[in-house]
Amino acid sequence: APPPAPPQPVLLLSAPEKVLRRRAEVRKLRRRVVPNKADDEFLGGFVRKQFDQGGPLQRYWVETVQMPYAYRPFFQSPSPDIDPSALLSPAERKHLVKSFITDPFSEILGPGGTVDPRQGGA
């Protein structure tokens, strides 16, 4: 019998939800908007039947006091039957976590538009 293979090193990497959401905002992720439950309309008075895929896409942003959502929920969950409160699909989560390793050390620009090496990153 052949000798057993040597153990393979494994790297487990994760990030809190708020970090992934901030990363999605920085990477300009686009999410489908859901209509307001009160009147079943999107902003601007549009209705579902005006969209081939159920609603418009909009660039995602993290809700803050300065930039609140017009109503809640505002963005559609990728898997509403499994987790209606989730913003990111498992594939999007994996991509965003992987980007912490593969992207430049920082996305925060310093003076003159250069990347500030003192900020965040892997």
N, C-alpha and C. Protein backbone atom coordinates (compact mmCIF):
# COMPACT_ATOMS: atom_id res chain seq x y z
N ALA A 1 0.85 -1.19 0.00
CA ALA A 1 0.00 0.00 0.00
C ALA A 1 0.89 1.24 0.00
N PRO A 2 0.48 2.27 -0.76
CA PRO A 2 1.28 3.51 -0.79
C PRO A 2 1.21 4.23 0.56
N PRO A 3 2.25 4.97 0.88
CA PRO A 3 2.24 5.71 2.15
C PRO A 3 1.14 6.78 2.13
N PRO A 4 0.60 7.11 3.29
CA PRO A 4 -0.46 8.14 3.33
C PRO A 4 0.09 9.50 2.89
N ALA A 5 -0.76 10.26 2.25
CA ALA A 5 -0.37 11.60 1.79
C ALA A 5 -0.16 12.51 3.00
N PRO A 6 0.78 13.44 2.89
CA PRO A 6 0.97 14.38 4.01
C PRO A 6 -0.26 15.26 4.18
N PRO A 7 -0.52 15.71 5.39
CA PRO A 7 -1.70 16.56 5.61
C PRO A 7 -1.60 17.87 4.81
N GLN A 8 -2.72 18.30 4.30
CA GLN A 8 -2.78 19.55 3.53
C GLN A 8 -3.11 20.71 4.46
N PRO A 9 -2.39 21.82 4.35
CA PRO A 9 -2.76 22.98 5.18
C PRO A 9 -4.08 23.57 4.68
N VAL A 10 -4.87 24.07 5.60
CA VAL A 10 -6.16 24.65 5.27
C VAL A 10 -6.22 26.05 5.88
N LEU A 11 -6.75 26.99 5.12
CA LEU A 11 -6.93 28.35 5.60
C LEU A 11 -8.43 28.64 5.65
N LEU A 12 -8.93 28.93 6.83
CA LEU A 12 -10.33 29.31 6.99
C LEU A 12 -10.37 30.82 7.17
N LEU A 13 -11.16 31.47 6.35
CA LEU A 13 -11.25 32.92 6.40
C LEU A 13 -12.71 33.32 6.42
N SER A 14 -13.05 34.22 7.30
CA SER A 14 -14.42 34.68 7.41
C SER A 14 -14.40 36.17 7.72
N ALA A 15 -15.57 36.78 7.67
CA ALA A 15 -15.69 38.20 7.99
C ALA A 15 -17.08 38.46 8.54
N PRO A 16 -17.22 39.40 9.45
CA PRO A 16 -18.55 39.74 9.97
C PRO A 16 -19.43 40.31 8.85
N GLU A 17 -20.74 40.19 9.04
CA GLU A 17 -21.70 40.66 8.04
C GLU A 17 -21.49 42.13 7.70
N LYS A 18 -21.25 42.98 8.70
CA LYS A 18 -21.10 44.41 8.42
C LYS A 18 -19.86 44.68 7.58
N VAL A 19 -18.82 43.88 7.73
CA VAL A 19 -17.61 44.05 6.92
C VAL A 19 -17.91 43.64 5.47
N LEU A 20 -18.64 42.54 5.29
CA LEU A 20 -19.00 42.10 3.94
C LEU A 20 -19.92 43.11 3.26
N ARG A 21 -20.85 43.68 4.00
CA ARG A 21 -21.75 44.68 3.41
C ARG A 21 -20.99 45.93 3.01
N ARG A 22 -20.04 46.36 3.84
CA ARG A 22 -19.23 47.53 3.49
C ARG A 22 -18.41 47.23 2.24
N ARG A 23 -17.88 46.01 2.16
CA ARG A 23 -17.09 45.60 0.99
C ARG A 23 -17.98 45.58 -0.26
N ALA A 24 -19.21 45.12 -0.12
CA ALA A 24 -20.14 45.11 -1.25
C ALA A 24 -20.41 46.53 -1.73
N GLU A 25 -20.51 47.46 -0.79
CA GLU A 25 -20.72 48.87 -1.15
C GLU A 25 -19.51 49.44 -1.89
N VAL A 26 -18.32 49.17 -1.37
CA VAL A 26 -17.08 49.67 -1.99
C VAL A 26 -16.91 49.09 -3.39
N ARG A 27 -17.28 47.84 -3.57
CA ARG A 27 -17.13 47.19 -4.88
C ARG A 27 -18.30 47.47 -5.82
N LYS A 28 -19.21 48.33 -5.39
CA LYS A 28 -20.34 48.78 -6.21
C LYS A 28 -21.23 47.63 -6.68
N LEU A 29 -21.50 46.71 -5.75
CA LEU A 29 -22.38 45.59 -6.02
C LEU A 29 -23.78 46.11 -6.34
N ARG A 30 -24.41 45.53 -7.33
CA ARG A 30 -25.77 45.93 -7.71
C ARG A 30 -26.76 44.90 -7.16
N ARG A 31 -27.82 45.38 -6.55
CA ARG A 31 -28.84 44.53 -5.95
C ARG A 31 -30.19 44.89 -6.56
N ARG A 32 -31.06 43.90 -6.62
CA ARG A 32 -32.43 44.14 -7.08
C ARG A 32 -33.22 44.79 -5.94
N VAL A 33 -33.98 45.81 -6.28
CA VAL A 33 -34.81 46.52 -5.32
C VAL A 33 -36.18 45.85 -5.28
N VAL A 34 -36.78 45.79 -4.10
CA VAL A 34 -38.14 45.26 -3.96
C VAL A 34 -39.11 46.44 -3.82
N PRO A 35 -40.36 46.24 -4.20
CA PRO A 35 -41.32 47.34 -4.04
C PRO A 35 -41.68 47.57 -2.58
N ASN A 36 -42.15 48.75 -2.30
CA ASN A 36 -42.61 49.09 -0.96
C ASN A 36 -43.84 48.25 -0.64
N LYS A 37 -43.86 47.63 0.52
CA LYS A 37 -44.98 46.77 0.90
C LYS A 37 -46.28 47.57 1.08
N ALA A 38 -46.16 48.84 1.43
CA ALA A 38 -47.35 49.66 1.69
C ALA A 38 -48.20 49.85 0.44
N ASP A 39 -47.56 50.07 -0.72
CA ASP A 39 -48.34 50.32 -1.93
C ASP A 39 -47.92 49.44 -3.12
N ASP A 40 -46.99 48.52 -2.88
CA ASP A 40 -46.49 47.60 -3.91
C ASP A 40 -45.92 48.35 -5.12
N GLU A 41 -45.28 49.50 -4.85
CA GLU A 41 -44.64 50.29 -5.90
C GLU A 41 -43.19 50.54 -5.55
N PHE A 42 -42.39 50.72 -6.60
CA PHE A 42 -41.00 51.12 -6.43
C PHE A 42 -40.95 52.64 -6.33
N LEU A 43 -39.79 53.18 -5.97
CA LEU A 43 -39.63 54.62 -5.97
C LEU A 43 -39.95 55.16 -7.36
N GLY A 44 -40.62 56.27 -7.42
CA GLY A 44 -41.00 56.85 -8.70
C GLY A 44 -42.34 56.36 -9.21
N GLY A 45 -43.03 55.49 -8.47
CA GLY A 45 -44.34 55.02 -8.87
C GLY A 45 -44.34 53.85 -9.84
N PHE A 46 -43.18 53.23 -10.07
CA PHE A 46 -43.11 52.08 -10.97
C PHE A 46 -43.71 50.84 -10.29
N VAL A 47 -44.24 49.91 -11.09
CA VAL A 47 -44.81 48.67 -10.57
C VAL A 47 -44.08 47.47 -11.17
N ARG A 48 -44.25 46.29 -10.54
CA ARG A 48 -43.52 45.08 -10.95
C ARG A 48 -43.70 44.74 -12.43
N LYS A 49 -44.91 44.87 -12.95
CA LYS A 49 -45.15 44.44 -14.32
C LYS A 49 -44.39 45.28 -15.35
N GLN A 50 -43.80 46.38 -14.93
CA GLN A 50 -42.99 47.20 -15.82
C GLN A 50 -41.56 46.65 -15.97
N PHE A 51 -41.23 45.62 -15.21
CA PHE A 51 -39.87 45.06 -15.22
C PHE A 51 -39.91 43.60 -15.62
N ASP A 52 -39.06 43.20 -16.54
CA ASP A 52 -39.00 41.81 -16.98
C ASP A 52 -38.53 40.87 -15.88
N GLN A 53 -37.66 41.36 -15.01
CA GLN A 53 -37.10 40.49 -13.98
C GLN A 53 -37.55 40.89 -12.57
N GLY A 54 -38.69 41.49 -12.46
CA GLY A 54 -39.28 41.75 -11.15
C GLY A 54 -38.94 43.05 -10.48
N GLY A 55 -37.95 43.76 -10.98
CA GLY A 55 -37.60 45.04 -10.36
C GLY A 55 -36.28 45.57 -10.88
N PRO A 56 -36.01 46.83 -10.57
CA PRO A 56 -34.77 47.45 -11.05
C PRO A 56 -33.56 47.03 -10.22
N LEU A 57 -32.39 47.15 -10.82
CA LEU A 57 -31.13 46.95 -10.10
C LEU A 57 -30.63 48.32 -9.65
N GLN A 58 -30.06 48.36 -8.47
CA GLN A 58 -29.51 49.60 -7.97
C GLN A 58 -28.22 49.29 -7.24
N ARG A 59 -27.29 50.23 -7.29
CA ARG A 59 -26.03 50.04 -6.57
C ARG A 59 -26.31 49.97 -5.07
N TYR A 60 -25.74 48.97 -4.42
CA TYR A 60 -25.97 48.76 -3.00
C TYR A 60 -25.22 49.79 -2.17
N TRP A 61 -25.83 50.22 -1.08
CA TRP A 61 -25.15 51.03 -0.09
C TRP A 61 -25.57 50.57 1.29
N VAL A 62 -24.68 50.77 2.24
CA VAL A 62 -24.96 50.43 3.64
C VAL A 62 -25.83 51.56 4.20
N GLU A 63 -26.95 51.20 4.78
CA GLU A 63 -27.86 52.20 5.32
C GLU A 63 -27.22 52.92 6.50
N THR A 64 -27.30 54.24 6.49
CA THR A 64 -26.80 55.08 7.58
C THR A 64 -27.86 56.14 7.88
N VAL A 65 -27.62 56.93 8.92
CA VAL A 65 -28.53 58.03 9.25
C VAL A 65 -28.54 59.04 8.10
N GLN A 66 -27.37 59.26 7.49
CA GLN A 66 -27.26 60.22 6.40
C GLN A 66 -27.86 59.68 5.09
N MET A 67 -27.81 58.36 4.89
CA MET A 67 -28.32 57.74 3.67
C MET A 67 -29.25 56.58 4.02
N PRO A 68 -30.45 56.87 4.51
CA PRO A 68 -31.38 55.79 4.87
C PRO A 68 -32.04 55.20 3.63
N TYR A 69 -32.55 53.99 3.77
CA TYR A 69 -33.36 53.39 2.71
C TYR A 69 -34.73 54.06 2.74
N ALA A 70 -35.36 54.15 1.59
CA ALA A 70 -36.68 54.78 1.49
C ALA A 70 -37.75 53.98 2.25
N TYR A 71 -37.57 52.67 2.31
CA TYR A 71 -38.47 51.77 3.03
C TYR A 71 -37.72 50.48 3.30
N ARG A 72 -38.29 49.62 4.12
CA ARG A 72 -37.63 48.35 4.47
C ARG A 72 -38.58 47.20 4.21
N PRO A 73 -38.14 46.09 3.69
CA PRO A 73 -36.83 45.89 3.09
C PRO A 73 -36.73 46.63 1.77
N PHE A 74 -35.54 47.11 1.45
CA PHE A 74 -35.32 47.87 0.22
C PHE A 74 -34.68 46.99 -0.85
N PHE A 75 -33.70 46.17 -0.45
CA PHE A 75 -33.03 45.28 -1.40
C PHE A 75 -33.56 43.85 -1.26
N GLN A 76 -33.67 43.18 -2.38
CA GLN A 76 -34.18 41.81 -2.40
C GLN A 76 -33.13 40.82 -1.92
N SER A 77 -33.55 39.86 -1.13
CA SER A 77 -32.68 38.79 -0.69
C SER A 77 -32.41 37.84 -1.85
N PRO A 78 -31.17 37.32 -1.98
CA PRO A 78 -30.90 36.37 -3.06
C PRO A 78 -31.61 35.03 -2.86
N SER A 79 -31.96 34.72 -1.61
CA SER A 79 -32.67 33.47 -1.34
C SER A 79 -33.75 33.74 -0.29
N PRO A 80 -34.86 34.37 -0.69
CA PRO A 80 -35.87 34.76 0.29
C PRO A 80 -36.52 33.60 1.02
N ASP A 81 -36.56 32.40 0.43
CA ASP A 81 -37.16 31.25 1.10
C ASP A 81 -36.27 30.72 2.21
N ILE A 82 -34.96 30.85 2.06
CA ILE A 82 -34.01 30.33 3.05
C ILE A 82 -33.70 31.36 4.12
N ASP A 83 -33.31 32.58 3.68
CA ASP A 83 -32.97 33.64 4.63
C ASP A 83 -33.41 34.98 4.06
N PRO A 84 -34.62 35.42 4.39
CA PRO A 84 -35.14 36.66 3.82
C PRO A 84 -34.34 37.90 4.20
N SER A 85 -33.58 37.85 5.29
CA SER A 85 -32.82 39.03 5.71
C SER A 85 -31.43 39.08 5.09
N ALA A 86 -31.01 38.03 4.40
CA ALA A 86 -29.67 38.00 3.81
C ALA A 86 -29.59 38.95 2.63
N LEU A 87 -28.46 39.62 2.53
CA LEU A 87 -28.23 40.50 1.38
C LEU A 87 -27.39 39.80 0.33
N LEU A 88 -26.47 38.95 0.77
CA LEU A 88 -25.50 38.33 -0.13
C LEU A 88 -25.77 36.84 -0.29
N SER A 89 -25.61 36.35 -1.50
CA SER A 89 -25.72 34.91 -1.74
C SER A 89 -24.45 34.24 -1.25
N PRO A 90 -24.44 32.93 -1.05
CA PRO A 90 -23.21 32.25 -0.65
C PRO A 90 -22.05 32.49 -1.63
N ALA A 91 -22.35 32.53 -2.93
CA ALA A 91 -21.30 32.77 -3.92
C ALA A 91 -20.74 34.19 -3.80
N GLU A 92 -21.62 35.17 -3.55
CA GLU A 92 -21.16 36.55 -3.38
C GLU A 92 -20.32 36.70 -2.12
N ARG A 93 -20.75 36.02 -1.05
CA ARG A 93 -19.97 36.04 0.20
C ARG A 93 -18.57 35.48 -0.04
N LYS A 94 -18.52 34.34 -0.72
CA LYS A 94 -17.24 33.71 -1.00
C LYS A 94 -16.35 34.63 -1.82
N HIS A 95 -16.93 35.27 -2.83
CA HIS A 95 -16.17 36.19 -3.68
C HIS A 95 -15.64 37.38 -2.87
N LEU A 96 -16.48 37.96 -2.01
CA LEU A 96 -16.05 39.11 -1.23
C LEU A 96 -14.98 38.74 -0.21
N VAL A 97 -15.13 37.59 0.45
CA VAL A 97 -14.10 37.16 1.41
C VAL A 97 -12.79 36.89 0.67
N LYS A 98 -12.88 36.23 -0.48
CA LYS A 98 -11.67 35.94 -1.26
C LYS A 98 -10.99 37.24 -1.71
N SER A 99 -11.78 38.27 -1.95
CA SER A 99 -11.20 39.54 -2.41
C SER A 99 -10.31 40.18 -1.35
N PHE A 100 -10.51 39.83 -0.07
CA PHE A 100 -9.62 40.37 0.97
C PHE A 100 -8.19 39.89 0.76
N ILE A 101 -8.03 38.73 0.17
CA ILE A 101 -6.70 38.18 -0.09
C ILE A 101 -6.16 38.63 -1.44
N THR A 102 -7.02 38.66 -2.44
CA THR A 102 -6.55 38.88 -3.81
C THR A 102 -6.49 40.35 -4.23
N ASP A 103 -7.23 41.22 -3.54
CA ASP A 103 -7.24 42.63 -3.92
C ASP A 103 -6.05 43.36 -3.31
N PRO A 104 -5.82 44.60 -3.75
CA PRO A 104 -4.74 45.40 -3.14
C PRO A 104 -4.96 45.53 -1.64
N PHE A 105 -3.91 45.91 -0.95
CA PHE A 105 -3.97 46.00 0.50
C PHE A 105 -5.05 46.96 0.98
N SER A 106 -5.31 48.01 0.24
CA SER A 106 -6.27 49.01 0.68
C SER A 106 -7.02 49.59 -0.50
N GLU A 107 -8.25 49.96 -0.27
CA GLU A 107 -9.03 50.66 -1.28
C GLU A 107 -9.25 52.11 -0.86
N ILE A 108 -8.63 52.50 0.25
CA ILE A 108 -8.77 53.86 0.75
C ILE A 108 -7.69 54.71 0.11
N LEU A 109 -8.11 55.74 -0.58
CA LEU A 109 -7.16 56.59 -1.29
C LEU A 109 -6.63 57.67 -0.37
N GLY A 110 -5.33 57.93 -0.52
CA GLY A 110 -4.68 58.98 0.23
C GLY A 110 -4.59 60.24 -0.61
N PRO A 111 -3.77 61.19 -0.18
CA PRO A 111 -3.62 62.43 -0.93
C PRO A 111 -3.10 62.15 -2.35
N GLY A 112 -3.62 62.84 -3.31
CA GLY A 112 -3.15 62.66 -4.69
C GLY A 112 -3.73 61.43 -5.38
N GLY A 113 -4.69 60.74 -4.74
CA GLY A 113 -5.32 59.59 -5.37
C GLY A 113 -4.53 58.29 -5.27
N THR A 114 -3.46 58.27 -4.51
CA THR A 114 -2.69 57.04 -4.33
C THR A 114 -3.30 56.19 -3.22
N VAL A 115 -3.03 54.89 -3.25
CA VAL A 115 -3.55 53.99 -2.22
C VAL A 115 -2.80 54.22 -0.92
N ASP A 116 -3.54 54.37 0.15
CA ASP A 116 -2.94 54.59 1.47
C ASP A 116 -2.56 53.25 2.07
N PRO A 117 -1.26 52.90 2.14
CA PRO A 117 -0.84 51.58 2.63
C PRO A 117 -1.06 51.37 4.12
N ARG A 118 -1.38 52.43 4.85
CA ARG A 118 -1.59 52.29 6.30
C ARG A 118 -2.98 51.79 6.63
N GLN A 119 -3.87 51.75 5.66
CA GLN A 119 -5.26 51.39 5.89
C GLN A 119 -5.53 49.95 5.51
N GLY A 120 -6.33 49.25 6.31
CA GLY A 120 -6.91 47.93 6.05
C GLY A 120 -6.20 47.01 5.09
N GLY A 121 -6.90 46.00 4.64
CA GLY A 121 -6.36 45.03 3.70
C GLY A 121 -5.91 43.78 4.38
N ALA A 122 -5.42 42.83 3.59
CA ALA A 122 -5.01 41.53 4.11
C ALA A 122 -3.67 41.61 4.78
